Amino acid sequence: MKVAERIGKDDFNKLMNSPGRHLIVFAAKWCGFCSRFIDQAQSFETSKDVLLSVVDTDDPDESLWDEFSIRIVPTLAVFDNGKIIFRRDGKSGIGLRMSDLEEGISKTIDS
């Protein structure tokens, strides 16, 4: 699996304006659960060519927190032409699991 560099709101909006499905994780640099999830995703083996984009919620313009009602990071979502079709919020004290990533990947490739 390929994990993209962290992107801010401007790059996120460009991605949302591009056609297709996009696998996104909303994360923060200060979040240990986010770092662990991203590290695990980078070494995650999948037969599909999938890109995980990391949206940096530490961006100075924090409006994405409110726009998508993000209450905990990491939060994983699949967008289809700019609309959320799958979402998994991290759990307090746990974060996200690889099974959440697998489910997100399946939603990315299902058409």
Protein backbone atom coordinates (compact mmCIF):
# COMPACT_ATOMS: atom_id res chain seq x y z
CA MET A 1 0.00 0.00 0.00
CA LYS A 2 1.23 3.47 -0.77
CA VAL A 3 0.81 6.25 1.80
CA ALA A 4 0.96 9.81 0.49
CA GLU A 5 2.70 12.67 2.26
CA ARG A 6 0.57 14.70 4.66
CA ILE A 7 -1.66 17.19 2.91
CA GLY A 8 -3.43 20.33 4.12
CA LYS A 9 -6.88 21.66 3.34
CA ASP A 10 -6.01 23.09 -0.10
CA ASP A 11 -4.60 19.79 -1.36
CA PHE A 12 -7.49 17.92 0.26
CA ASN A 13 -9.98 20.10 -1.64
CA LYS A 14 -8.13 19.44 -4.91
CA LEU A 15 -8.31 15.72 -4.21
CA MET A 16 -12.04 15.96 -3.48
CA ASN A 17 -12.56 17.71 -6.82
CA SER A 18 -10.87 14.87 -8.70
CA PRO A 19 -13.08 11.99 -9.83
CA GLY A 20 -13.10 8.58 -8.22
CA ARG A 21 -12.79 7.11 -4.77
CA HIS A 22 -10.17 8.29 -2.32
CA LEU A 23 -9.00 6.64 0.89
CA ILE A 24 -8.25 9.32 3.49
CA VAL A 25 -7.05 9.27 7.07
CA PHE A 26 -7.48 12.42 9.13
CA ALA A 27 -4.50 12.51 11.50
CA ALA A 28 -2.47 14.80 13.72
CA LYS A 29 1.30 14.85 14.17
CA TRP A 30 0.95 14.82 17.97
CA CYS A 31 -1.22 11.68 17.93
CA GLY A 32 0.65 8.45 18.72
CA PHE A 33 -2.25 6.32 17.51
CA CYS A 34 -2.14 8.18 14.17
CA SER A 35 1.60 7.57 13.75
CA ARG A 36 1.19 3.88 14.57
CA PHE A 37 -1.71 3.48 12.13
CA ILE A 38 0.15 5.25 9.31
CA ASP A 39 3.29 3.16 9.92
CA GLN A 40 1.23 -0.04 9.84
CA ALA A 41 -0.56 1.11 6.67
CA GLN A 42 2.78 1.70 4.92
CA SER A 43 3.75 -1.93 5.43
CA PHE A 44 0.23 -3.28 4.77
CA GLU A 45 0.22 -5.78 1.90
CA THR A 46 -2.61 -5.50 -0.61
CA SER A 47 -2.98 -6.87 -4.10
CA LYS A 48 -4.79 -3.69 -5.15
CA ASP A 49 -3.08 -0.44 -6.06
CA VAL A 50 -4.46 1.79 -3.29
CA LEU A 51 -3.26 5.19 -2.10
CA LEU A 52 -3.91 6.34 1.46
CA SER A 53 -3.84 10.13 1.71
CA VAL A 54 -3.05 11.58 5.13
CA VAL A 55 -4.90 14.82 5.84
CA ASP A 56 -3.03 16.85 8.40
CA THR A 57 -5.59 18.14 10.88
CA ASP A 58 -2.81 20.22 12.45
CA ASP A 59 -3.12 22.53 9.44
CA PRO A 60 -3.46 26.15 10.62
CA ASP A 61 -6.93 26.23 9.03
CA GLU A 62 -8.63 23.66 11.25
CA SER A 63 -12.01 23.93 9.54
CA LEU A 64 -11.82 20.29 8.41
CA TRP A 65 -12.37 19.24 12.04
CA ASP A 66 -15.74 20.97 11.99
CA GLU A 67 -16.63 20.31 8.37
CA PHE A 68 -16.44 16.53 8.90
CA SER A 69 -17.31 16.47 12.63
CA ILE A 70 -13.98 14.91 13.53
CA ARG A 71 -13.90 14.33 17.27
CA ILE A 72 -11.01 11.85 17.41
CA VAL A 73 -7.99 11.05 15.29
CA PRO A 74 -7.21 8.97 13.45
CA THR A 75 -10.43 8.92 11.45
CA LEU A 76 -10.54 6.90 8.23
CA ALA A 77 -12.91 7.75 5.36
CA VAL A 78 -13.55 6.80 1.76
CA PHE A 79 -14.80 9.58 -0.48
CA ASP A 80 -16.54 8.97 -3.79
CA ASN A 81 -16.60 12.08 -5.93
CA GLY A 82 -16.31 14.24 -2.82
CA LYS A 83 -18.93 12.46 -0.67
CA ILE A 84 -18.20 10.14 2.23
CA ILE A 85 -19.32 6.56 1.51
CA PHE A 86 -17.44 4.93 4.41
CA ARG A 87 -16.14 6.26 7.71
CA ARG A 88 -14.47 4.72 10.71
CA ASP A 89 -13.56 6.90 13.68
CA GLY A 90 -10.71 5.84 15.92
CA LYS A 91 -11.62 4.66 19.39
CA SER A 92 -10.29 6.41 22.47
CA GLY A 93 -7.24 4.59 23.80
CA ILE A 94 -7.13 2.28 20.75
CA GLY A 95 -7.08 4.30 17.52
CA LEU A 96 -7.84 2.37 14.34
CA ARG A 97 -7.20 -1.29 13.59
CA MET A 98 -5.92 -2.90 10.41
CA SER A 99 -9.38 -4.44 9.96
CA ASP A 100 -10.71 -0.86 9.63
CA LEU A 101 -8.11 -0.24 6.91
CA GLU A 102 -9.06 -3.47 5.12
CA GLU A 103 -12.72 -2.47 5.13
CA GLY A 104 -11.84 1.00 3.82
CA ILE A 105 -9.73 -0.51 1.04
CA SER A 106 -12.63 -2.77 0.04
CA LYS A 107 -14.90 0.29 -0.24
CA THR A 108 -12.27 2.06 -2.34
CA ILE A 109 -12.17 -0.68 -4.95
CA ASP A 110 -15.89 -1.62 -4.94
CA SER A 111 -17.65 0.30 -7.68
